[in-house]
Amino acid sequence: MATTASCSASAVTGGQIVFGSITLAHGEATVKGFNPAFKASDSFQCTASDKTTAANAANAVAVSGQQHRRTGTGNDLISYMCAGS
């Protein structure tokens, strides 16, 4: 049986969405300089996809309100989207 979760549809004050792509260097890259910045590393969530080879995993980890780190395979192109406040 599948797990069920509830979501509230409450508005987020100061919410924003940031997206783009970055090429990894040896499996890692950092995106910096969000302006305006997110409030803190726990105030936003990111997702990442490997655009070079779809079967490869890509990961997004918030470092601070102004940057996040991408990890994946080699020098692949990674697309990302972050949303929060």
N, C-alpha and C. Protein backbone atom coordinates (compact mmCIF):
# COMPACT_ATOMS: atom_id res chain seq x y z
N MET A 1 0.84 -1.17 0.00
CA MET A 1 0.00 0.00 0.00
C MET A 1 0.90 1.24 0.00
N ALA A 2 0.55 2.21 -0.77
CA ALA A 2 1.31 3.46 -0.90
C ALA A 2 1.11 4.37 0.32
N THR A 3 2.11 5.18 0.60
CA THR A 3 2.03 6.14 1.69
C THR A 3 1.29 7.38 1.20
N THR A 4 0.45 7.95 2.07
CA THR A 4 -0.29 9.15 1.75
C THR A 4 0.21 10.30 2.61
N ALA A 5 0.39 11.47 2.01
CA ALA A 5 0.82 12.65 2.75
C ALA A 5 -0.14 13.79 2.47
N SER A 6 -0.29 14.67 3.44
CA SER A 6 -1.16 15.83 3.28
C SER A 6 -0.31 17.06 3.00
N CYS A 7 -0.80 17.94 2.16
CA CYS A 7 -0.13 19.19 1.85
C CYS A 7 -1.07 20.35 2.15
N SER A 8 -0.53 21.40 2.71
CA SER A 8 -1.36 22.59 2.91
C SER A 8 -1.08 23.54 1.76
N ALA A 9 -2.07 24.26 1.37
CA ALA A 9 -1.94 25.21 0.26
C ALA A 9 -1.79 26.62 0.80
N SER A 10 -0.95 26.79 1.80
CA SER A 10 -0.77 28.12 2.38
C SER A 10 0.28 28.91 1.60
N ALA A 11 0.05 30.20 1.49
CA ALA A 11 0.97 31.07 0.75
C ALA A 11 2.28 31.21 1.51
N VAL A 12 3.38 31.34 0.76
CA VAL A 12 4.70 31.54 1.33
C VAL A 12 5.06 33.01 1.13
N THR A 13 5.34 33.71 2.22
CA THR A 13 5.73 35.12 2.13
C THR A 13 7.15 35.22 1.59
N GLY A 14 7.35 36.04 0.58
CA GLY A 14 8.69 36.22 0.03
C GLY A 14 9.18 35.03 -0.75
N GLY A 15 8.28 34.20 -1.26
CA GLY A 15 8.68 33.01 -2.00
C GLY A 15 9.29 33.34 -3.35
N GLN A 16 10.17 32.46 -3.81
CA GLN A 16 10.78 32.64 -5.14
C GLN A 16 11.17 31.28 -5.71
N ILE A 17 11.33 31.26 -7.02
CA ILE A 17 11.80 30.08 -7.74
C ILE A 17 13.00 30.50 -8.56
N VAL A 18 14.08 29.72 -8.48
CA VAL A 18 15.30 29.97 -9.22
C VAL A 18 15.61 28.72 -10.02
N PHE A 19 15.96 28.88 -11.30
CA PHE A 19 16.29 27.70 -12.11
C PHE A 19 17.39 28.03 -13.09
N GLY A 20 18.03 26.98 -13.58
CA GLY A 20 19.11 27.17 -14.56
C GLY A 20 19.83 25.87 -14.81
N SER A 21 21.03 25.96 -15.34
CA SER A 21 21.85 24.78 -15.58
C SER A 21 23.31 25.13 -15.35
N ILE A 22 24.10 24.11 -15.05
CA ILE A 22 25.52 24.28 -14.77
C ILE A 22 26.25 23.01 -15.19
N THR A 23 27.47 23.17 -15.70
CA THR A 23 28.29 22.03 -16.07
C THR A 23 29.17 21.64 -14.88
N LEU A 24 29.14 20.36 -14.54
CA LEU A 24 29.95 19.87 -13.43
C LEU A 24 31.42 19.84 -13.82
N ALA A 25 32.29 19.95 -12.84
CA ALA A 25 33.72 19.75 -13.01
C ALA A 25 34.10 18.61 -12.07
N HIS A 26 34.45 17.46 -12.62
CA HIS A 26 34.79 16.28 -11.83
C HIS A 26 33.67 15.92 -10.86
N GLY A 27 32.42 16.03 -11.32
CA GLY A 27 31.27 15.59 -10.54
C GLY A 27 30.69 16.57 -9.55
N GLU A 28 31.16 17.84 -9.58
CA GLU A 28 30.66 18.80 -8.59
C GLU A 28 30.64 20.21 -9.16
N ALA A 29 29.69 21.01 -8.69
CA ALA A 29 29.62 22.43 -9.04
C ALA A 29 28.81 23.15 -7.96
N THR A 30 29.10 24.42 -7.76
CA THR A 30 28.37 25.23 -6.79
C THR A 30 27.74 26.42 -7.50
N VAL A 31 26.46 26.64 -7.27
CA VAL A 31 25.75 27.79 -7.80
C VAL A 31 25.69 28.82 -6.68
N LYS A 32 26.17 30.04 -6.93
CA LYS A 32 26.24 31.09 -5.91
C LYS A 32 25.52 32.35 -6.38
N GLY A 33 25.28 33.25 -5.42
CA GLY A 33 24.84 34.59 -5.75
C GLY A 33 23.36 34.78 -5.98
N PHE A 34 22.50 33.99 -5.33
CA PHE A 34 21.07 34.24 -5.46
C PHE A 34 20.78 35.65 -4.97
N ASN A 35 20.06 36.42 -5.78
CA ASN A 35 19.74 37.79 -5.39
C ASN A 35 18.30 38.09 -5.82
N PRO A 36 17.37 38.15 -4.90
CA PRO A 36 17.59 38.11 -3.45
C PRO A 36 17.90 36.69 -2.98
N ALA A 37 18.60 36.60 -1.88
CA ALA A 37 18.95 35.30 -1.30
C ALA A 37 17.74 34.66 -0.65
N PHE A 38 17.75 33.34 -0.53
CA PHE A 38 16.78 32.65 0.30
C PHE A 38 17.12 32.96 1.75
N LYS A 39 16.15 32.82 2.66
CA LYS A 39 16.36 33.18 4.07
C LYS A 39 17.47 32.36 4.71
N ALA A 40 17.51 31.07 4.45
CA ALA A 40 18.49 30.16 5.06
C ALA A 40 18.53 28.87 4.25
N SER A 41 19.50 28.02 4.54
CA SER A 41 19.63 26.77 3.78
C SER A 41 18.43 25.85 3.97
N ASP A 42 17.69 26.00 5.07
CA ASP A 42 16.52 25.15 5.29
C ASP A 42 15.21 25.81 4.87
N SER A 43 15.29 26.97 4.19
CA SER A 43 14.07 27.66 3.77
C SER A 43 13.74 27.41 2.29
N PHE A 44 14.54 26.59 1.62
CA PHE A 44 14.25 26.26 0.23
C PHE A 44 14.68 24.83 -0.09
N GLN A 45 14.09 24.28 -1.14
CA GLN A 45 14.39 22.93 -1.61
C GLN A 45 14.80 23.02 -3.07
N CYS A 46 15.73 22.15 -3.47
CA CYS A 46 16.17 22.12 -4.86
C CYS A 46 16.02 20.71 -5.43
N THR A 47 15.89 20.66 -6.72
CA THR A 47 15.89 19.40 -7.45
C THR A 47 16.88 19.54 -8.60
N ALA A 48 17.44 18.42 -9.04
CA ALA A 48 18.44 18.46 -10.11
C ALA A 48 18.24 17.27 -11.05
N SER A 49 18.56 17.49 -12.32
CA SER A 49 18.48 16.43 -13.33
C SER A 49 19.71 16.48 -14.21
N ASP A 50 20.24 15.32 -14.55
CA ASP A 50 21.38 15.23 -15.46
C ASP A 50 20.86 15.32 -16.89
N LYS A 51 21.23 16.39 -17.60
CA LYS A 51 20.75 16.60 -18.96
C LYS A 51 21.64 15.92 -20.00
N THR A 52 22.86 15.53 -19.62
CA THR A 52 23.77 14.85 -20.55
C THR A 52 23.38 13.39 -20.70
N THR A 53 23.19 12.70 -19.58
CA THR A 53 22.81 11.30 -19.56
C THR A 53 21.71 11.12 -18.53
N ALA A 54 20.48 10.98 -19.00
CA ALA A 54 19.32 10.96 -18.12
C ALA A 54 19.39 9.86 -17.06
N ALA A 55 20.06 8.75 -17.33
CA ALA A 55 20.15 7.65 -16.36
C ALA A 55 21.07 7.98 -15.19
N ASN A 56 21.93 8.99 -15.34
CA ASN A 56 22.85 9.35 -14.25
C ASN A 56 22.12 10.13 -13.17
N ALA A 57 22.49 9.87 -11.92
CA ALA A 57 21.89 10.58 -10.79
C ALA A 57 22.49 11.98 -10.67
N ALA A 58 21.69 12.92 -10.21
CA ALA A 58 22.15 14.27 -9.89
C ALA A 58 21.55 14.66 -8.56
N ASN A 59 22.29 15.41 -7.75
CA ASN A 59 21.84 15.77 -6.42
C ASN A 59 22.00 17.26 -6.20
N ALA A 60 21.16 17.83 -5.37
CA ALA A 60 21.22 19.25 -5.02
C ALA A 60 21.21 19.38 -3.51
N VAL A 61 22.19 20.10 -2.96
CA VAL A 61 22.29 20.28 -1.51
C VAL A 61 22.44 21.77 -1.21
N ALA A 62 21.55 22.31 -0.38
CA ALA A 62 21.64 23.72 0.01
C ALA A 62 22.83 23.90 0.94
N VAL A 63 23.64 24.93 0.67
CA VAL A 63 24.80 25.25 1.50
C VAL A 63 24.47 26.43 2.40
N SER A 64 23.81 27.43 1.83
CA SER A 64 23.36 28.61 2.57
C SER A 64 22.19 29.20 1.80
N GLY A 65 21.68 30.34 2.25
CA GLY A 65 20.60 30.99 1.53
C GLY A 65 21.03 31.56 0.20
N GLN A 66 22.34 31.64 -0.04
CA GLN A 66 22.87 32.22 -1.27
C GLN A 66 23.54 31.22 -2.19
N GLN A 67 23.67 29.96 -1.78
CA GLN A 67 24.32 29.00 -2.67
C GLN A 67 23.85 27.57 -2.42
N HIS A 68 24.00 26.74 -3.45
CA HIS A 68 23.72 25.32 -3.34
C HIS A 68 24.74 24.56 -4.17
N ARG A 69 24.99 23.32 -3.78
CA ARG A 69 25.99 22.48 -4.44
C ARG A 69 25.29 21.40 -5.25
N ARG A 70 25.78 21.17 -6.43
CA ARG A 70 25.29 20.12 -7.32
C ARG A 70 26.33 19.03 -7.40
N THR A 71 25.89 17.79 -7.36
CA THR A 71 26.80 16.67 -7.57
C THR A 71 26.19 15.73 -8.61
N GLY A 72 27.06 15.04 -9.31
CA GLY A 72 26.62 14.13 -10.35
C GLY A 72 27.80 13.40 -10.94
N THR A 73 27.75 13.15 -12.23
CA THR A 73 28.75 12.35 -12.91
C THR A 73 29.65 13.21 -13.79
N GLY A 74 30.96 13.10 -13.59
CA GLY A 74 31.96 13.70 -14.47
C GLY A 74 31.75 15.16 -14.77
N ASN A 75 31.64 15.49 -16.04
CA ASN A 75 31.47 16.86 -16.51
C ASN A 75 30.10 17.05 -17.17
N ASP A 76 29.11 16.34 -16.67
CA ASP A 76 27.76 16.40 -17.24
C ASP A 76 27.10 17.76 -16.97
N LEU A 77 26.14 18.09 -17.83
CA LEU A 77 25.33 19.29 -17.68
C LEU A 77 24.15 18.97 -16.75
N ILE A 78 23.99 19.76 -15.69
CA ILE A 78 22.94 19.53 -14.71
C ILE A 78 21.96 20.70 -14.73
N SER A 79 20.66 20.41 -14.86
CA SER A 79 19.65 21.46 -14.72
C SER A 79 19.13 21.41 -13.29
N TYR A 80 18.71 22.58 -12.77
CA TYR A 80 18.24 22.64 -11.40
C TYR A 80 17.08 23.62 -11.27
N MET A 81 16.29 23.41 -10.20
CA MET A 81 15.23 24.34 -9.84
C MET A 81 15.16 24.37 -8.32
N CYS A 82 15.15 25.57 -7.75
CA CYS A 82 15.03 25.75 -6.30
C CYS A 82 13.82 26.63 -6.01
N ALA A 83 13.08 26.27 -4.97
CA ALA A 83 11.89 27.05 -4.58
C ALA A 83 11.85 27.15 -3.07
N GLY A 84 11.43 28.30 -2.58
CA GLY A 84 11.29 28.52 -1.15
C GLY A 84 11.22 30.00 -0.83
N SER A 85 11.63 30.33 0.38
CA SER A 85 11.57 31.73 0.78
C SER A 85 12.88 32.18 1.41
